[in-house]
Amino acid sequence: MSFTSKNPYTHTPIAEYPEDSPKAVEAAIKRAHKQHKAWRKQGFKTRAQHLNTVADLLDSQAQALAKTMADEMGKPLQDGL
């Protein structure tokens, strides 16, 4: 089984997402928990550097992300920005 993301206004399919098995979900949760333990041991400066890198990546993809958000919410593109 898979999940289809659709524009709620036009009902146009946006993307298809496969369903993961319970085993795959459990493994992902365990990896996330392990990474969280490592993350919380990092100092403020290191975490800030990583988050600033993420912010730069999001900024560089702002138009594409805004389109996806607008499509998924069935709103005009300007509302995604």
Protein backbone atom coordinates (compact mmCIF):
# COMPACT_ATOMS: atom_id res chain seq x y z
CA MET A 1 0.00 0.00 0.00
CA SER A 2 1.13 3.55 -0.61
CA PHE A 3 -0.05 7.01 0.28
CA THR A 4 -0.82 9.68 -2.29
CA SER A 5 -0.40 13.35 -1.48
CA LYS A 6 -3.04 15.37 -3.34
CA ASN A 7 -3.86 19.02 -3.77
CA PRO A 8 -7.07 19.32 -1.71
CA TYR A 9 -8.46 21.99 -4.05
CA THR A 10 -7.83 20.32 -7.43
CA HIS A 11 -7.41 16.71 -6.22
CA THR A 12 -4.35 16.49 -8.46
CA PRO A 13 -1.81 13.91 -7.21
CA ILE A 14 1.43 15.51 -6.03
CA ALA A 15 3.52 12.57 -4.86
CA GLU A 16 3.27 8.91 -3.96
CA TYR A 17 4.80 7.60 -0.72
CA PRO A 18 5.33 3.91 0.00
CA GLU A 19 4.13 2.46 3.29
CA ASP A 20 6.91 1.20 5.53
CA SER A 21 6.71 -2.04 7.43
CA PRO A 22 6.41 -1.92 11.22
CA LYS A 23 10.00 -3.23 11.39
CA ALA A 24 11.28 -0.36 9.21
CA VAL A 25 9.38 2.18 11.31
CA GLU A 26 10.82 0.74 14.53
CA ALA A 27 14.35 0.87 13.05
CA ALA A 28 13.85 4.52 12.04
CA ILE A 29 12.65 5.40 15.54
CA LYS A 30 15.68 3.71 17.08
CA ARG A 31 18.05 5.59 14.73
CA ALA A 32 16.35 8.89 15.55
CA HIS A 33 16.59 8.22 19.29
CA LYS A 34 20.29 7.36 18.97
CA GLN A 35 20.95 10.54 16.96
CA HIS A 36 19.02 12.63 19.49
CA LYS A 37 21.27 11.35 22.28
CA ALA A 38 24.34 12.42 20.27
CA TRP A 39 22.75 15.77 19.31
CA ARG A 40 21.93 16.78 22.87
CA LYS A 41 25.58 16.27 23.87
CA GLN A 42 26.72 18.85 21.31
CA GLY A 43 27.43 22.34 22.49
CA PHE A 44 25.35 25.35 21.51
CA LYS A 45 27.90 26.58 18.96
CA THR A 46 27.98 23.25 17.11
CA ARG A 47 24.19 22.93 17.06
CA ALA A 48 23.85 26.53 15.88
CA GLN A 49 26.27 25.89 13.02
CA HIS A 50 24.28 22.84 11.92
CA LEU A 51 20.98 24.70 12.15
CA ASN A 52 22.39 27.64 10.18
CA THR A 53 23.44 25.19 7.46
CA VAL A 54 19.91 23.77 7.39
CA ALA A 55 18.48 27.30 7.21
CA ASP A 56 20.74 28.09 4.23
CA LEU A 57 19.60 24.90 2.46
CA LEU A 58 15.94 25.77 3.09
CA ASP A 59 16.51 29.32 1.79
CA SER A 60 18.15 27.98 -1.37
CA GLN A 61 15.09 25.81 -2.03
CA ALA A 62 12.46 28.36 -0.96
CA GLN A 63 10.60 28.50 -4.29
CA ALA A 64 10.33 24.73 -4.68
CA LEU A 65 9.31 24.28 -1.05
CA ALA A 66 6.74 27.07 -1.32
CA LYS A 67 5.21 25.40 -4.39
CA THR A 68 5.00 22.05 -2.60
CA MET A 69 3.44 23.63 0.48
CA ALA A 70 0.93 25.60 -1.57
CA ASP A 71 0.01 22.51 -3.62
CA GLU A 72 -0.39 20.32 -0.54
CA MET A 73 -2.63 22.91 1.12
CA GLY A 74 -4.56 23.85 -2.02
CA LYS A 75 -3.57 27.50 -1.70
CA PRO A 76 -2.00 30.06 -4.03
CA LEU A 77 1.79 29.93 -4.34
CA GLN A 78 2.17 33.28 -2.56
CA ASP A 79 0.67 31.68 0.55
CA GLY A 80 3.52 29.16 0.57
CA LEU A 81 6.11 31.90 0.75
